[in-house]
Structure formats: structure tokens, C-alpha cells
C-alpha atoms as a PDB file:
ATOM      1  CA  MET A   1      92.135  84.293  97.999  1.00  0.00           C
ATOM      2  CA  SER A   2      93.651  84.493  94.746  1.00  0.00           C
ATOM      3  CA  SER A   3      97.118  83.602  94.118  1.00  0.00           C
ATOM      4  CA  ILE A   4      99.932  86.655  93.268  1.00  0.00           C
ATOM      5  CA  PRO A   5      99.987  85.006  89.808  1.00  0.00           C
ATOM      6  CA  GLU A   6      96.437  85.283  89.277  1.00  0.00           C
ATOM      7  CA  ILE A   7      96.148  88.603  90.845  1.00  0.00           C
ATOM      8  CA  PHE A   8      98.944  89.771  87.972  1.00  0.00           C
ATOM      9  CA  GLU A   9      97.167  88.008  85.615  1.00  0.00           C
ATOM     10  CA  SER A  10      93.949  89.763  86.479  1.00  0.00           C
ATOM     11  CA  MET A  11      95.725  93.144  86.356  1.00  0.00           C
ATOM     12  CA  LYS A  12      95.067  92.835  82.454  1.00  0.00           C
ATOM     13  CA  LYS A  13      91.147  92.620  82.568  1.00  0.00           C
ATOM     14  CA  SER A  14      90.689  94.819  85.509  1.00  0.00           C
ATOM     15  CA  TYR A  15      92.840  97.990  84.310  1.00  0.00           C
ATOM     16  CA  ASN A  16      91.075 101.098  83.409  1.00  0.00           C
ATOM     17  CA  ALA A  17      92.439 101.875  80.196  1.00  0.00           C
ATOM     18  CA  GLY A  18      93.853 105.447  80.673  1.00  0.00           C
ATOM     19  CA  SER A  19      93.714 106.195  84.112  1.00  0.00           C
ATOM     20  CA  ILE A  20      97.944 106.044  84.359  1.00  0.00           C
ATOM     21  CA  ASP A  21      98.658 108.434  81.772  1.00  0.00           C
ATOM     22  CA  ASP A  22     101.726 109.325  81.914  1.00  0.00           C
ATOM     23  CA  ASP A  23     104.661 106.049  80.924  1.00  0.00           C
ATOM     24  CA  ARG A  24     105.344 104.327  84.240  1.00  0.00           C
ATOM     25  CA  SER A  25     107.219 101.313  85.475  1.00  0.00           C
ATOM     26  CA  TYR A  26     106.305  99.563  88.817  1.00  0.00           C
ATOM     27  CA  TYR A  27     108.105  96.366  90.659  1.00  0.00           C
ATOM     28  CA  PHE A  28     107.016  93.832  93.120  1.00  0.00           C
ATOM     29  CA  SER A  29     108.961  92.139  95.069  1.00  0.00           C
ATOM     30  CA  LEU A  30     106.471  89.548  96.961  1.00  0.00           C
ATOM     31  CA  ASP A  31     108.332  86.830  98.948  1.00  0.00           C
ATOM     32  CA  ASP A  32     109.404  84.885  96.045  1.00  0.00           C
ATOM     33  CA  TYR A  33     107.397  86.280  93.454  1.00  0.00           C
ATOM     34  CA  LYS A  34     108.783  89.109  91.486  1.00  0.00           C
ATOM     35  CA  TYR A  35     106.846  91.176  88.739  1.00  0.00           C
ATOM     36  CA  THR A  36     107.196  94.272  86.728  1.00  0.00           C
ATOM     37  CA  VAL A  37     103.935  96.324  85.543  1.00  0.00           C
ATOM     38  CA  THR A  38     104.719  99.049  83.030  1.00  0.00           C
ATOM     39  CA  PHE A  39     101.914 101.443  81.588  1.00  0.00           C
ATOM     40  CA  ALA A  40     102.899 103.154  78.214  1.00  0.00           C
ATOM     41  CA  LYS A  41     100.253 105.216  76.364  1.00  0.00           C
ATOM     42  CA  GLY A  42      97.466 104.017  78.609  1.00  0.00           C
ATOM     43  CA  LYS A  43      98.242 100.689  78.288  1.00  0.00           C
ATOM     44  CA  ILE A  44      99.492  98.137  80.741  1.00  0.00           C
ATOM     45  CA  LYS A  45     101.967  95.305  80.261  1.00  0.00           C
ATOM     46  CA  VAL A  46     102.419  92.458  83.399  1.00  0.00           C
ATOM     47  CA  GLU A  47     105.657  90.255  82.881  1.00  0.00           C
ATOM     48  CA  GLU A  48     106.947  88.210  85.461  1.00  0.00           C
ATOM     49  CA  GLY A  49     110.448  88.765  86.973  1.00  0.00           C
ATOM     50  CA  LYS A  50     112.547  92.366  87.143  1.00  0.00           C
ATOM     51  CA  THR A  51     112.162  93.752  83.101  1.00  0.00           C
ATOM     52  CA  VAL A  52     113.491  97.018  84.076  1.00  0.00           C
ATOM     53  CA  ASP A  53     116.633  98.449  85.560  1.00  0.00           C
ATOM     54  CA  GLU A  54     115.170 101.186  87.646  1.00  0.00           C
ATOM     55  CA  ALA A  55     111.177 100.976  88.311  1.00  0.00           C
ATOM     56  CA  ASP A  56     109.576 104.436  88.764  1.00  0.00           C
ATOM     57  CA  CYS A  57     108.193 102.669  91.914  1.00  0.00           C
ATOM     58  CA  VAL A  58     108.686  99.429  94.160  1.00  0.00           C
ATOM     59  CA  LEU A  59     107.001  97.301  96.557  1.00  0.00           C
ATOM     60  CA  LYS A  60     108.127  94.951  98.590  1.00  0.00           C
ATOM     61  CA  THR A  61     106.042  93.068 101.015  1.00  0.00           C
ATOM     62  CA  SER A  62     105.161  89.531 101.743  1.00  0.00           C
ATOM     63  CA  ALA A  63     102.643  87.904  99.211  1.00  0.00           C
ATOM     64  CA  ASP A  64     100.076  87.733 101.870  1.00  0.00           C
ATOM     65  CA  MET A  65     100.212  90.950 102.565  1.00  0.00           C
ATOM     66  CA  PHE A  66     100.114  92.145  98.754  1.00  0.00           C
ATOM     67  CA  ALA A  67      96.633  89.702  98.442  1.00  0.00           C
ATOM     68  CA  LYS A  68      95.468  91.723 101.538  1.00  0.00           C
ATOM     69  CA  ILE A  69      95.978  94.938 100.093  1.00  0.00           C
ATOM     70  CA  TRP A  70      94.778  93.481  96.610  1.00  0.00           C
ATOM     71  CA  GLY A  71      91.594  92.422  98.375  1.00  0.00           C
ATOM     72  CA  GLY A  72      90.798  95.807 100.005  1.00  0.00           C
ATOM     73  CA  TYR A  73      92.855  96.118 102.616  1.00  0.00           C
ATOM     74  CA  LYS A  74      93.868  99.976 103.463  1.00  0.00           C
ATOM     75  CA  PRO A  75      97.576  99.944 104.834  1.00  0.00           C
ATOM     76  CA  GLY A  76      98.403 102.115 107.645  1.00  0.00           C
ATOM     77  CA  MET A  77     101.126 104.024 108.547  1.00  0.00           C
ATOM     78  CA  MET A  78     102.380 101.434 111.211  1.00  0.00           C
ATOM     79  CA  ASP A  79     102.574  99.114 108.471  1.00  0.00           C
ATOM     80  CA  PHE A  80     104.952 100.834 106.267  1.00  0.00           C
ATOM     81  CA  MET A  81     106.914 102.385 109.937  1.00  0.00           C
ATOM     82  CA  SER A  82     107.382  98.637 110.898  1.00  0.00           C
ATOM     83  CA  GLY A  83     108.681  97.467 107.791  1.00  0.00           C
ATOM     84  CA  LYS A  84     105.870  95.163 106.681  1.00  0.00           C
ATOM     85  CA  ILE A  85     105.452  97.460 103.413  1.00  0.00           C
ATOM     86  CA  LYS A  86     108.580  98.876 101.904  1.00  0.00           C
ATOM     87  CA  THR A  87     108.144 101.478  99.021  1.00  0.00           C
ATOM     88  CA  ASN A  88     110.589 104.124  97.493  1.00  0.00           C
ATOM     89  CA  ASN A  89     106.919 105.739  96.210  1.00  0.00           C
ATOM     90  CA  PRO A  90     103.654 105.789  98.250  1.00  0.00           C
ATOM     91  CA  THR A  91     101.936 108.621  95.871  1.00  0.00           C
ATOM     92  CA  LEU A  92     102.627 106.261  92.337  1.00  0.00           C
ATOM     93  CA  LEU A  93     101.733 103.585  94.650  1.00  0.00           C
ATOM     94  CA  GLN A  94      98.329 104.893  95.483  1.00  0.00           C
ATOM     95  CA  GLU A  95      97.977 106.196  91.810  1.00  0.00           C
ATOM     96  CA  PHE A  96      98.711 101.959  90.962  1.00  0.00           C
ATOM     97  CA  GLY A  97      95.644 101.086  93.414  1.00  0.00           C
ATOM     98  CA  GLY A  98      93.793 102.936  91.680  1.00  0.00           C
ATOM     99  CA  ALA A  99      93.998 102.593  88.644  1.00  0.00           C
ATOM    100  CA  PHE A 100      92.058  99.169  88.725  1.00  0.00           C
ATOM    101  CA  THR A 101      88.350  97.892  88.661  1.00  0.00           C
ATOM    102  CA  LYS A 102      88.026  95.343  91.635  1.00  0.00           C
END
């Protein structure tokens, strides 16, 4: 399984350019790992830390859970209801997941 830094580094190469048309920002809080991913004009930017005041979509979960999801695990309703995965915008989170070739 890839480490969290490796996953975020790989996003730059696996992003399907133009798959997210609108400018968007995503903030990930994964245990001790914090990343901001922004899309602007069809391009992706991945940064360590929180680099936006208010992200369009925030995801809080464990590093292990995020690695599982990136690896193909499809979270169910119980993952969200139990608090294992927290987000302010499930629709944008789905859009994010579909923007990459894995």
C-alpha cells in the first residue's frame, strides 16, 4: 500500500486533465497528514498543509481509510454515519475520486 505522501504525489500524474472543469479546492485531514488539492483552469495543484481559507470540499478520515479508498474501496453509508469518514460535500468528493486514473 502506498504512503499518504506517495498517493498525493501520484495525483499529479494520474489526474485526467480537464475532468474537473470548475475551479475547486479540496482539503484533506488524514491523521497527521494535511493536504490541499486545487483545480484551476483544468490543471491540478497538490500542496502539503492547508493553503486555502475555506475549501469547497473537506475530507477528514484516517490515513489508513484514505489509502483504502484510493486503492479502490468504496465507502458505504455506515462509514459516514459512524464518523469514520467526515465530509462537508459528498458530491464533490465523488467528483474528485472520478478525476484520476488509478
